[in-house]
Amino acid sequence: MTTVFETVYNWEPYLKYGKRQAVKRKTVIYNQGSIGDGFYFLHKGLMKISTATSNGQDRILNIVVPGQIFGVQAMDQHPHFTTAITVKDSVLYYLPCNQFEDLLTKHTDLQNLFTKTINHKMHILLEGLNMNALSSKQQIAVLILNICDDFKNYGVPLSQQDLVYCTGLTRITVYKILKEWKKQNIIQVENRRFIIKKPELLRRLIK
């Protein structure tokens, strides 16, 4: 599947400036409140981004899939307001601020892409802050549509089990929702990914 990053700008030549990390499932990449000085590129695996509520519960904000960057909100060396944890065994690259700033001066097109990416990520994270007020259907719809918007593609590289891990909903709840959406021809399951056939119906759910 072609991602927005591959079509607008190819990150692969710049990964050599980052530090490659192979991490196991359920590894915390950064904690809410920790100081960040760089960002990450997910090469393989799956990541969930969450935040702790006032009552101590974790609230899922976003899912990161391969080809996406995350952790950009703390590049100004302010504390992270989210926690990133792997959902699957993953391979990622860490790009420190100082090295990335040098890249920006040499490759001006990269600055435009990075700025657009940050703006989009902030929109997703702010939207996710209201997730606790959503129904189970709405939570799944928001997460799937966020990925669609990032990739500019309505093929979502997630399995049913991935949604269970990422949302914290029960396996039965996720199964029933997806089964209903398949009957309504909203989605189609194909080779461990969802093809979103009627995204407008999902968007109506969350309005």
Protein backbone atom coordinates (compact mmCIF):
# COMPACT_ATOMS: atom_id res chain seq x y z
CA MET A 1 0.00 0.00 0.00
CA THR A 2 1.33 3.43 -0.92
CA THR A 3 1.37 5.86 1.98
CA VAL A 4 1.14 9.64 2.00
CA PHE A 5 4.78 9.72 3.11
CA GLU A 6 5.89 7.62 0.14
CA THR A 7 3.92 9.66 -2.39
CA VAL A 8 4.82 13.11 -1.06
CA TYR A 9 8.29 12.45 0.32
CA ASN A 10 10.35 9.30 0.80
CA TRP A 11 11.70 8.93 4.34
CA GLU A 12 13.95 5.95 3.60
CA PRO A 13 17.08 7.95 2.60
CA TYR A 14 16.94 9.78 5.93
CA LEU A 15 16.53 6.82 8.23
CA LYS A 16 20.30 6.30 8.15
CA TYR A 17 20.56 9.43 10.30
CA GLY A 18 18.38 7.84 12.96
CA LYS A 19 18.98 5.07 15.44
CA ARG A 20 17.33 1.76 14.51
CA GLN A 21 15.57 0.01 17.38
CA ALA A 22 13.94 -3.43 17.39
CA VAL A 23 11.49 -3.62 20.30
CA LYS A 24 9.14 -6.24 21.67
CA ARG A 25 5.38 -5.99 22.06
CA LYS A 26 4.20 -3.94 25.06
CA THR A 27 7.40 -1.86 25.13
CA VAL A 28 6.94 1.74 26.29
CA ILE A 29 8.77 4.01 23.84
CA TYR A 30 8.15 7.15 25.87
CA ASN A 31 6.00 7.99 28.87
CA GLN A 32 3.62 10.87 29.41
CA GLY A 33 5.56 13.54 31.30
CA SER A 34 9.00 12.53 30.01
CA ILE A 35 11.11 15.10 28.14
CA GLY A 36 11.44 14.51 24.42
CA ASP A 37 14.24 15.71 22.15
CA GLY A 38 13.39 13.91 18.91
CA PHE A 39 10.76 11.86 17.13
CA TYR A 40 10.27 8.32 15.81
CA PHE A 41 9.52 6.66 12.47
CA LEU A 42 7.70 3.33 12.63
CA HIS A 43 9.21 0.97 10.07
CA LYS A 44 7.47 -2.23 11.14
CA GLY A 45 4.89 -3.20 13.76
CA LEU A 46 2.11 -1.28 15.45
CA MET A 47 1.98 1.43 18.11
CA LYS A 48 -0.76 2.96 20.23
CA ILE A 49 -0.71 6.48 21.61
CA SER A 50 -2.60 7.12 24.83
CA THR A 51 -2.90 9.62 27.65
CA ALA A 52 -3.71 9.26 31.33
CA THR A 53 -6.97 10.80 32.51
CA SER A 54 -7.48 12.58 35.82
CA ASN A 55 -8.81 9.36 37.37
CA GLY A 56 -5.71 7.42 36.33
CA GLN A 57 -7.20 5.52 33.39
CA ASP A 58 -5.48 5.31 30.00
CA ARG A 59 -7.34 6.79 27.05
CA ILE A 60 -6.38 5.70 23.54
CA LEU A 61 -5.81 8.66 21.18
CA ASN A 62 -4.33 7.18 18.04
CA ILE A 63 -2.86 4.12 16.35
CA VAL A 64 0.48 4.39 14.53
CA VAL A 65 1.09 2.02 11.62
CA PRO A 66 4.26 1.48 9.52
CA GLY A 67 5.31 4.47 7.45
CA GLN A 68 4.19 7.02 10.05
CA ILE A 69 6.10 9.23 12.45
CA PHE A 70 5.17 9.82 16.09
CA GLY A 71 6.41 11.70 19.14
CA VAL A 72 6.71 14.96 17.21
CA GLN A 73 4.80 16.94 19.84
CA ALA A 74 7.81 16.93 22.19
CA MET A 75 10.55 18.04 19.79
CA ASP A 76 10.61 21.40 21.57
CA GLN A 77 11.95 19.47 24.61
CA HIS A 78 8.72 19.97 26.56
CA PRO A 79 7.18 17.00 28.37
CA HIS A 80 5.29 14.44 26.31
CA PHE A 81 1.53 14.64 26.93
CA THR A 82 1.04 11.10 25.65
CA THR A 83 2.50 7.63 26.13
CA ALA A 84 3.59 5.46 23.18
CA ILE A 85 3.61 1.68 23.57
CA THR A 86 4.11 -1.07 21.00
CA VAL A 87 1.16 -3.33 20.23
CA LYS A 88 3.31 -5.73 18.19
CA ASP A 89 7.02 -6.49 17.94
CA SER A 90 8.23 -3.41 16.09
CA VAL A 91 11.16 -1.80 14.31
CA LEU A 92 11.49 1.96 14.58
CA TYR A 93 14.00 4.74 14.02
CA TYR A 94 14.73 7.56 16.45
CA LEU A 95 15.77 10.90 14.94
CA PRO A 96 17.20 13.42 17.45
CA CYS A 97 16.30 17.08 17.06
CA ASN A 98 19.82 18.31 16.35
CA GLN A 99 20.37 15.85 13.50
CA PHE A 100 16.93 16.48 12.05
CA GLU A 101 17.45 20.24 12.11
CA ASP A 102 20.56 19.74 9.96
CA LEU A 103 18.50 17.69 7.51
CA LEU A 104 15.90 20.46 7.28
CA THR A 105 18.52 23.01 6.25
CA LYS A 106 19.78 20.71 3.49
CA HIS A 107 16.40 19.47 2.25
CA THR A 108 13.78 22.24 2.20
CA ASP A 109 11.01 19.96 0.90
CA LEU A 110 11.30 17.93 4.08
CA GLN A 111 10.37 20.97 6.19
CA ASN A 112 7.07 21.37 4.33
CA LEU A 113 6.18 17.70 4.81
CA PHE A 114 7.17 17.75 8.47
CA THR A 115 5.09 20.86 9.19
CA LYS A 116 2.01 19.36 7.55
CA THR A 117 2.55 16.11 9.44
CA ILE A 118 2.78 17.88 12.81
CA ASN A 119 -0.41 19.84 12.15
CA HIS A 120 -2.25 16.67 11.22
CA LYS A 121 -0.94 14.77 14.26
CA MET A 122 -2.04 17.56 16.58
CA HIS A 123 -5.52 17.44 15.04
CA ILE A 124 -5.71 13.68 15.62
CA LEU A 125 -4.49 13.90 19.21
CA LEU A 126 -6.88 16.72 20.08
CA GLU A 127 -9.74 14.80 18.51
CA GLY A 128 -8.78 11.77 20.53
CA LEU A 129 -9.10 13.65 23.81
CA ASN A 130 -12.85 13.25 23.48
CA MET A 131 -12.68 9.47 22.96
CA ASN A 132 -13.97 8.63 26.44
CA ALA A 133 -17.30 10.23 25.55
CA LEU A 134 -17.70 8.04 22.45
CA SER A 135 -19.46 4.73 22.05
CA SER A 136 -17.53 1.59 21.11
CA LYS A 137 -18.57 2.00 17.46
CA GLN A 138 -17.46 5.62 17.45
CA GLN A 139 -14.08 4.79 19.00
CA ILE A 140 -13.31 2.22 16.30
CA ALA A 141 -14.57 4.56 13.57
CA VAL A 142 -12.35 7.42 14.79
CA LEU A 143 -9.22 5.27 14.92
CA ILE A 144 -9.81 3.73 11.49
CA LEU A 145 -10.58 7.09 9.87
CA ASN A 146 -7.48 8.68 11.43
CA ILE A 147 -5.34 6.06 9.74
CA CYS A 148 -7.18 6.56 6.44
CA ASP A 149 -6.56 10.30 6.64
CA ASP A 150 -2.86 9.78 7.37
CA PHE A 151 -2.36 7.39 4.49
CA LYS A 152 -4.76 9.02 2.03
CA ASN A 153 -5.85 5.45 1.38
CA TYR A 154 -8.92 3.51 2.48
CA GLY A 155 -7.04 0.27 3.00
CA VAL A 156 -6.22 0.07 6.73
CA PRO A 157 -3.40 -2.38 7.63
CA LEU A 158 -4.99 -3.69 10.83
CA SER A 159 -6.46 -7.01 11.92
CA GLN A 160 -9.42 -7.53 14.22
CA GLN A 161 -7.03 -8.53 16.99
CA ASP A 162 -5.04 -5.31 16.45
CA LEU A 163 -8.19 -3.29 17.16
CA VAL A 164 -8.76 -5.31 20.34
CA TYR A 165 -5.21 -4.60 21.54
CA CYS A 166 -5.33 -0.93 20.62
CA THR A 167 -8.79 0.06 21.83
CA GLY A 168 -9.03 -2.05 24.98
CA LEU A 169 -12.50 -3.15 23.89
CA THR A 170 -13.40 -6.82 24.28
CA ARG A 171 -12.88 -9.24 21.41
CA ILE A 172 -16.63 -9.90 21.24
CA THR A 173 -17.48 -6.18 21.06
CA VAL A 174 -15.03 -5.58 18.20
CA TYR A 175 -16.21 -8.73 16.40
CA LYS A 176 -19.88 -7.71 16.57
CA ILE A 177 -19.19 -4.19 15.33
CA LEU A 178 -17.07 -5.35 12.41
CA LYS A 179 -19.60 -8.06 11.53
CA GLU A 180 -22.37 -5.44 11.42
CA TRP A 181 -20.27 -3.12 9.25
CA LYS A 182 -19.45 -5.97 6.86
CA LYS A 183 -23.17 -6.75 6.48
CA GLN A 184 -23.82 -3.08 5.73
CA ASN A 185 -20.97 -3.16 3.18
CA ILE A 186 -19.18 -0.39 5.06
CA ILE A 187 -15.97 -2.40 5.30
CA GLN A 188 -14.42 -5.42 3.67
CA VAL A 189 -11.78 -7.63 5.29
CA GLU A 190 -8.90 -8.59 3.01
CA ASN A 191 -5.49 -10.05 3.93
CA ARG A 192 -5.27 -8.65 7.47
CA ARG A 193 -6.53 -5.21 6.52
CA PHE A 194 -9.83 -3.40 6.29
CA ILE A 195 -10.98 -1.87 3.02
CA ILE A 196 -13.22 1.07 3.92
CA LYS A 197 -15.89 1.05 1.21
CA LYS A 198 -18.21 3.67 2.70
CA PRO A 199 -16.08 6.10 4.76
CA GLU A 200 -18.90 8.66 4.69
CA LEU A 201 -21.03 6.35 6.86
CA LEU A 202 -18.24 6.05 9.43
CA ARG A 203 -17.86 9.83 9.48
CA ARG A 204 -21.58 10.21 10.19
CA LEU A 205 -21.15 8.03 13.28
CA ILE A 206 -18.78 10.49 14.90
CA LYS A 207 -20.48 13.76 14.01
